[in-house]
Amino acid sequence: MTLKERFIRVPHLFFLLLLLVQLIPDAKEGEFYANYVIGFAVILEAFFLLVAVFSKKTDTVSEVGKLLGVIEVVLILWVLFGPKLDRLNAKMFPAPGVVLYQLIKDEEPLLAAVKISLRTILKGFLLALVIAIPSGLVLGWLKPVRSTANYVVRFVSSIPPIVYIPYAIAFLPTMSGAKLFIIFVASFWPILSGTMTGVVNIERGILDSAKALGVGRVSMLSHVILPGALPYIFNGANQGLGISFILLTSAEMIAADSTNPGLGFYIWNFSNFANYKRVIPAIFVLGITICLISFIIKKIQDFLLRWRAPV
């Protein structure tokens, strides 16, 4: 990449505009913590410069620049229509500096809530993976049960998992167990369906070649069918993980377990008191957590599917 491709980017302009907006007088008196916005903008700009310096791919610099540009545009509009022009309801939409200040101040309880939510997600999701993948491989491979199993999976997976929340709360002894069950159900059916679809879509010639070489059933499942179905398994896993986060947040709100509060309870609790300067940081943390987990899964997927020819 040339120096122009590395450093002449639109996000740098947005960074300067964000700093200039801070010079506009506030529409009313109050502490809006503008220094936190400036500090955050400087961190974003420094990160972008590091990516531009060390990245070897133009696409990576472009993608990071687009993402940071969107964040900076949102901050510019938020600051402009918030404390500068007073066009937003300050109670429901606190100034970005106030949100950043509260995010730093509430670091410990937010991290504790994230750990609780992630622990529940990982337990339910991994349990679903362990049960759904072998079941899907077997059901997709055995012709006598494949058709019937496919109809059953379609029927059950069409039922929104959120309807199970009242039953889970009523019949399971603890709120933690109820949330774990909901995550398991939300993840299980998409993974099972994806695995069965992957098995069905494996080329017949590959299976015939493996049989001609005398590959046994166990080896056929583990060394031929499983690798061939992996792309579909990851599709189902990604879908199940997304649904799991939605259901976890809903379950934590409905269960309202103050002894084991996750992010859902954190958001629900402070929204009841209209304390949006603490609700908005929690929503941001939830979004960042989901993006990071999705990124990690994508990297695992790319590594395990590195044998595929690039599209």
Protein backbone atom coordinates (compact mmCIF):
# COMPACT_ATOMS: atom_id res chain seq x y z
CA MET A 1 0.00 0.00 0.00
CA THR A 2 1.11 3.55 -0.70
CA LEU A 3 1.26 6.22 1.99
CA LYS A 4 -1.83 7.82 0.47
CA GLU A 5 -3.79 4.55 0.72
CA ARG A 6 -2.69 4.11 4.32
CA PHE A 7 -3.22 7.58 5.76
CA ILE A 8 -5.49 9.66 3.52
CA ARG A 9 -8.84 8.39 4.75
CA VAL A 10 -12.27 9.93 5.42
CA PRO A 11 -12.38 8.83 9.11
CA HIS A 12 -9.56 11.31 9.86
CA LEU A 13 -11.87 14.08 8.68
CA PHE A 14 -14.66 12.82 10.93
CA PHE A 15 -12.21 12.78 13.83
CA LEU A 16 -11.39 16.46 13.25
CA LEU A 17 -15.09 17.32 12.92
CA LEU A 18 -15.82 15.59 16.21
CA LEU A 19 -13.16 17.70 17.91
CA LEU A 20 -14.47 20.90 16.29
CA VAL A 21 -18.04 20.18 17.40
CA GLN A 22 -16.82 20.25 21.00
CA LEU A 23 -16.03 23.96 20.54
CA ILE A 24 -19.70 24.82 20.03
CA PRO A 25 -21.19 26.26 23.24
CA ASP A 26 -23.61 23.99 25.11
CA ALA A 27 -27.29 24.90 24.82
CA LYS A 28 -27.74 24.70 28.58
CA GLU A 29 -25.64 24.42 31.68
CA GLY A 30 -24.57 21.05 32.99
CA GLU A 31 -21.70 18.60 33.19
CA PHE A 32 -21.56 16.72 29.88
CA TYR A 33 -18.05 15.25 30.30
CA ALA A 34 -16.84 16.40 26.87
CA ASN A 35 -13.30 15.35 27.80
CA TYR A 36 -14.45 11.72 27.80
CA VAL A 37 -15.73 12.07 24.23
CA ILE A 38 -12.45 13.67 23.16
CA GLY A 39 -10.45 10.94 24.87
CA PHE A 40 -12.54 8.23 23.23
CA ALA A 41 -12.12 9.89 19.81
CA VAL A 42 -8.33 10.06 20.31
CA ILE A 43 -8.27 6.33 21.17
CA LEU A 44 -10.24 5.52 18.00
CA GLU A 45 -7.91 7.67 15.88
CA ALA A 46 -4.79 6.14 17.44
CA PHE A 47 -6.16 2.64 16.82
CA PHE A 48 -6.91 3.48 13.19
CA LEU A 49 -3.40 4.85 12.70
CA LEU A 50 -1.89 1.67 14.15
CA VAL A 51 -3.99 -0.44 11.78
CA ALA A 52 -2.91 1.76 8.85
CA VAL A 53 0.76 1.44 9.80
CA PHE A 54 0.94 -2.30 10.49
CA SER A 55 -1.76 -3.81 8.27
CA LYS A 56 -0.61 -5.39 5.03
CA LYS A 57 -4.05 -5.48 3.41
CA THR A 58 -5.88 -2.49 1.97
CA ASP A 59 -9.23 -4.17 2.64
CA THR A 60 -8.48 -4.39 6.38
CA VAL A 61 -7.68 -0.67 6.58
CA SER A 62 -10.81 0.15 4.60
CA GLU A 63 -13.10 -2.02 6.75
CA VAL A 64 -11.71 -0.65 10.02
CA GLY A 65 -11.96 2.89 8.64
CA LYS A 66 -15.60 2.40 7.66
CA LEU A 67 -16.49 1.06 11.10
CA LEU A 68 -14.71 3.85 12.97
CA GLY A 69 -16.16 6.42 10.56
CA VAL A 70 -19.70 5.27 11.39
CA ILE A 71 -18.94 5.49 15.13
CA GLU A 72 -17.55 9.00 14.75
CA VAL A 73 -20.51 10.20 12.66
CA VAL A 74 -22.90 8.86 15.32
CA LEU A 75 -20.91 10.67 18.02
CA ILE A 76 -20.91 13.92 16.01
CA LEU A 77 -24.69 13.83 15.57
CA TRP A 78 -25.22 12.75 19.18
CA VAL A 79 -23.12 15.60 20.55
CA LEU A 80 -24.59 18.11 18.11
CA PHE A 81 -28.27 17.33 18.72
CA GLY A 82 -27.70 16.55 22.38
CA PRO A 83 -25.77 18.99 24.59
CA LYS A 84 -24.97 21.49 21.79
CA LEU A 85 -28.47 22.07 20.38
CA ASP A 86 -30.57 20.40 23.11
CA ARG A 87 -32.79 18.61 20.59
CA LEU A 88 -32.76 15.25 22.35
CA ASN A 89 -34.48 14.26 25.57
CA ALA A 90 -31.56 14.41 27.99
CA LYS A 91 -33.16 11.83 30.28
CA MET A 92 -33.65 9.15 27.60
CA PHE A 93 -30.61 10.11 25.52
CA PRO A 94 -27.87 11.32 27.90
CA ALA A 95 -24.90 13.08 26.33
CA PRO A 96 -22.25 10.67 25.01
CA GLY A 97 -19.74 12.01 27.53
CA VAL A 98 -22.15 11.15 30.35
CA VAL A 99 -22.58 7.62 28.95
CA LEU A 100 -18.82 7.11 28.64
CA TYR A 101 -18.28 8.44 32.15
CA GLN A 102 -20.94 6.08 33.53
CA LEU A 103 -19.46 3.17 31.54
CA ILE A 104 -16.08 3.66 33.22
CA LYS A 105 -17.67 4.22 36.62
CA ASP A 106 -19.76 1.02 36.36
CA GLU A 107 -16.92 -1.09 35.00
CA GLU A 108 -16.97 -3.66 37.82
CA PRO A 109 -20.73 -4.44 37.92
CA LEU A 110 -20.90 -4.48 34.11
CA LEU A 111 -17.98 -6.92 33.84
CA ALA A 112 -19.56 -9.10 36.53
CA ALA A 113 -22.85 -9.13 34.60
CA VAL A 114 -21.02 -10.00 31.36
CA LYS A 115 -19.25 -12.93 33.05
CA ILE A 116 -22.54 -14.32 34.37
CA SER A 117 -24.26 -14.01 30.99
CA LEU A 118 -21.30 -15.50 29.11
CA ARG A 119 -21.09 -18.40 31.55
CA THR A 120 -24.75 -19.23 30.93
CA ILE A 121 -24.38 -18.83 27.16
CA LEU A 122 -21.29 -21.04 26.96
CA LYS A 123 -22.76 -23.82 29.11
CA GLY A 124 -26.02 -24.02 27.15
CA PHE A 125 -24.39 -23.53 23.75
CA LEU A 126 -21.62 -26.11 24.29
CA LEU A 127 -24.16 -28.62 25.64
CA ALA A 128 -26.24 -28.09 22.50
CA LEU A 129 -23.16 -28.58 20.29
CA VAL A 130 -22.18 -31.81 22.05
CA ILE A 131 -25.66 -33.33 21.65
CA ALA A 132 -26.88 -31.77 18.37
CA ILE A 133 -23.85 -32.46 16.14
CA PRO A 134 -23.62 -36.26 16.72
CA SER A 135 -27.42 -36.54 16.56
CA GLY A 136 -27.54 -34.57 13.32
CA LEU A 137 -24.77 -36.67 11.76
CA VAL A 138 -26.56 -39.91 12.54
CA LEU A 139 -30.07 -38.70 11.63
CA GLY A 140 -28.84 -37.16 8.39
CA TRP A 141 -26.92 -40.27 7.38
CA LEU A 142 -29.55 -42.95 8.13
CA LYS A 143 -32.10 -42.90 5.30
CA PRO A 144 -34.89 -44.78 7.18
CA VAL A 145 -35.20 -42.03 9.82
CA ARG A 146 -33.93 -38.99 7.89
CA SER A 147 -37.28 -37.93 6.40
CA THR A 148 -39.25 -38.32 9.64
CA ALA A 149 -36.55 -36.59 11.68
CA ASN A 150 -36.50 -33.71 9.20
CA TYR A 151 -40.23 -33.11 9.62
CA VAL A 152 -39.94 -33.26 13.42
CA VAL A 153 -37.01 -30.81 13.43
CA ARG A 154 -38.85 -28.39 11.14
CA PHE A 155 -41.94 -28.49 13.34
CA VAL A 156 -40.20 -28.06 16.69
CA SER A 157 -37.69 -25.47 15.43
CA SER A 158 -40.55 -23.34 14.07
CA ILE A 159 -41.78 -22.79 17.65
CA PRO A 160 -40.24 -19.58 19.08
CA PRO A 161 -37.99 -20.64 21.98
CA ILE A 162 -39.26 -17.71 24.04
CA VAL A 163 -42.49 -19.63 24.72
CA TYR A 164 -40.49 -22.09 26.83
CA ILE A 165 -39.39 -19.43 29.31
CA PRO A 166 -42.49 -19.60 31.61
CA TYR A 167 -42.32 -23.42 31.65
CA ALA A 168 -38.60 -23.44 32.36
CA ILE A 169 -39.08 -21.02 35.25
CA ALA A 170 -42.03 -23.03 36.60
CA PHE A 171 -40.57 -26.54 36.40
CA LEU A 172 -36.83 -26.10 36.96
CA PRO A 173 -35.62 -25.59 40.54
CA THR A 174 -33.38 -22.56 39.96
CA MET A 175 -33.39 -19.50 37.72
CA SER A 176 -29.89 -20.41 36.53
CA GLY A 177 -31.15 -23.81 35.42
CA ALA A 178 -34.09 -22.21 33.63
CA LYS A 179 -31.82 -19.83 31.71
CA LEU A 180 -29.45 -22.68 30.85
CA PHE A 181 -32.34 -24.73 29.47
CA ILE A 182 -33.56 -21.83 27.32
CA ILE A 183 -30.08 -21.35 25.82
CA PHE A 184 -29.84 -25.07 25.14
CA VAL A 185 -33.21 -25.16 23.35
CA ALA A 186 -32.45 -22.00 21.38
CA SER A 187 -29.11 -23.42 20.17
CA PHE A 188 -30.00 -27.09 19.77
CA TRP A 189 -32.49 -27.00 16.91
CA PRO A 190 -30.56 -24.70 14.52
CA ILE A 191 -27.38 -26.76 15.07
CA LEU A 192 -29.23 -30.05 14.58
CA SER A 193 -30.96 -28.76 11.45
CA GLY A 194 -27.71 -27.37 10.03
CA THR A 195 -25.87 -30.64 10.70
CA MET A 196 -28.55 -32.74 9.00
CA THR A 197 -28.60 -30.39 6.01
CA GLY A 198 -24.82 -30.60 5.76
CA VAL A 199 -24.89 -34.40 5.72
CA VAL A 200 -27.56 -34.51 3.02
CA ASN A 201 -25.64 -32.06 0.82
CA ILE A 202 -22.36 -34.00 0.81
CA GLU A 203 -21.55 -35.13 -2.72
CA ARG A 204 -22.57 -38.73 -3.33
CA GLY A 205 -19.30 -39.44 -5.13
CA ILE A 206 -17.30 -38.67 -1.97
CA LEU A 207 -19.31 -41.17 0.06
CA ASP A 208 -19.08 -43.84 -2.66
CA SER A 209 -15.31 -43.37 -2.86
CA ALA A 210 -14.98 -43.73 0.91
CA LYS A 211 -17.06 -46.92 0.85
CA ALA A 212 -14.97 -48.32 -2.01
CA LEU A 213 -11.85 -47.76 0.10
CA GLY A 214 -13.41 -49.77 2.92
CA VAL A 215 -13.94 -46.91 5.36
CA GLY A 216 -15.93 -48.08 8.39
CA ARG A 217 -19.01 -46.38 9.80
CA VAL A 218 -17.26 -44.59 12.64
CA SER A 219 -14.47 -43.34 10.39
CA MET A 220 -17.04 -42.38 7.77
CA LEU A 221 -18.86 -40.19 10.27
CA SER A 222 -15.77 -38.61 11.83
CA HIS A 223 -13.43 -38.27 8.84
CA VAL A 224 -15.75 -37.86 5.85
CA ILE A 225 -19.23 -36.74 6.82
CA LEU A 226 -18.31 -34.41 9.69
CA PRO A 227 -15.74 -32.35 7.70
CA GLY A 228 -18.11 -32.19 4.73
CA ALA A 229 -20.98 -30.95 6.90
CA LEU A 230 -18.91 -28.37 8.81
CA PRO A 231 -19.94 -25.32 6.72
CA TYR A 232 -23.61 -26.05 7.44
CA ILE A 233 -22.87 -26.83 11.09
CA PHE A 234 -21.27 -23.41 11.49
CA ASN A 235 -24.28 -21.76 9.85
CA GLY A 236 -26.56 -23.45 12.35
CA ALA A 237 -24.23 -22.64 15.23
CA ASN A 238 -24.10 -18.94 14.30
CA GLN A 239 -27.87 -18.82 14.03
CA GLY A 240 -28.28 -20.61 17.36
CA LEU A 241 -25.81 -18.29 19.09
CA GLY A 242 -27.64 -15.20 17.87
CA ILE A 243 -30.97 -16.54 19.08
CA SER A 244 -29.35 -17.55 22.37
CA PHE A 245 -28.26 -14.01 23.16
CA ILE A 246 -31.74 -12.69 22.44
CA LEU A 247 -33.33 -15.37 24.59
CA LEU A 248 -30.78 -14.99 27.40
CA THR A 249 -31.48 -11.27 27.69
CA SER A 250 -35.23 -11.93 27.65
CA ALA A 251 -34.92 -14.75 30.17
CA GLU A 252 -32.80 -12.64 32.53
CA MET A 253 -35.36 -9.85 32.32
CA ILE A 254 -38.31 -12.15 32.97
CA ALA A 255 -36.59 -14.27 35.62
CA ALA A 256 -35.26 -11.14 37.36
CA ASP A 257 -32.70 -13.10 39.39
CA SER A 258 -31.08 -10.43 41.56
CA THR A 259 -28.78 -13.03 43.19
CA ASN A 260 -27.24 -13.94 39.81
CA PRO A 261 -27.75 -10.83 37.66
CA GLY A 262 -26.63 -10.95 34.05
CA LEU A 263 -26.73 -8.17 31.49
CA GLY A 264 -30.43 -8.69 30.83
CA PHE A 265 -31.31 -8.15 34.48
CA TYR A 266 -28.91 -5.20 34.63
CA ILE A 267 -30.69 -3.48 31.73
CA TRP A 268 -34.17 -4.38 33.00
CA ASN A 269 -33.43 -3.23 36.55
CA PHE A 270 -32.17 0.26 35.65
CA SER A 271 -34.77 0.77 32.90
CA ASN A 272 -37.44 0.32 35.58
CA PHE A 273 -35.98 3.37 37.31
CA ALA A 274 -35.61 5.26 34.00
CA ASN A 275 -31.85 5.38 34.66
CA TYR A 276 -30.90 5.45 30.99
CA LYS A 277 -27.38 6.73 31.58
CA ARG A 278 -26.72 3.24 32.97
CA VAL A 279 -28.99 1.35 30.54
CA ILE A 280 -27.25 2.67 27.40
CA PRO A 281 -23.72 1.60 28.49
CA ALA A 282 -25.06 -1.88 29.26
CA ILE A 283 -26.62 -2.07 25.78
CA PHE A 284 -23.30 -1.04 24.24
CA VAL A 285 -21.45 -3.68 26.27
CA LEU A 286 -23.97 -6.32 25.18
CA GLY A 287 -23.49 -5.39 21.52
CA ILE A 288 -19.70 -5.40 21.80
CA THR A 289 -19.77 -8.79 23.56
CA ILE A 290 -21.90 -10.32 20.80
CA CYS A 291 -19.62 -8.87 18.10
CA LEU A 292 -16.49 -10.22 19.81
CA ILE A 293 -17.93 -13.72 20.17
CA SER A 294 -19.10 -13.68 16.54
CA PHE A 295 -15.59 -12.59 15.51
CA ILE A 296 -13.99 -15.44 17.48
CA ILE A 297 -16.37 -18.01 15.96
CA LYS A 298 -15.65 -16.63 12.48
CA LYS A 299 -11.91 -17.10 13.07
CA ILE A 300 -12.48 -20.67 14.31
CA GLN A 301 -14.64 -21.32 11.26
CA ASP A 302 -11.99 -19.96 8.88
CA PHE A 303 -9.34 -22.14 10.54
CA LEU A 304 -11.36 -25.37 10.44
CA LEU A 305 -12.52 -24.74 6.88
CA ARG A 306 -9.14 -23.64 5.56
CA TRP A 307 -9.13 -26.69 3.27
CA ARG A 308 -11.93 -25.21 1.18
CA ALA A 309 -11.08 -23.38 -2.02
CA PRO A 310 -11.61 -19.61 -1.61
CA VAL A 311 -14.84 -18.35 -3.16
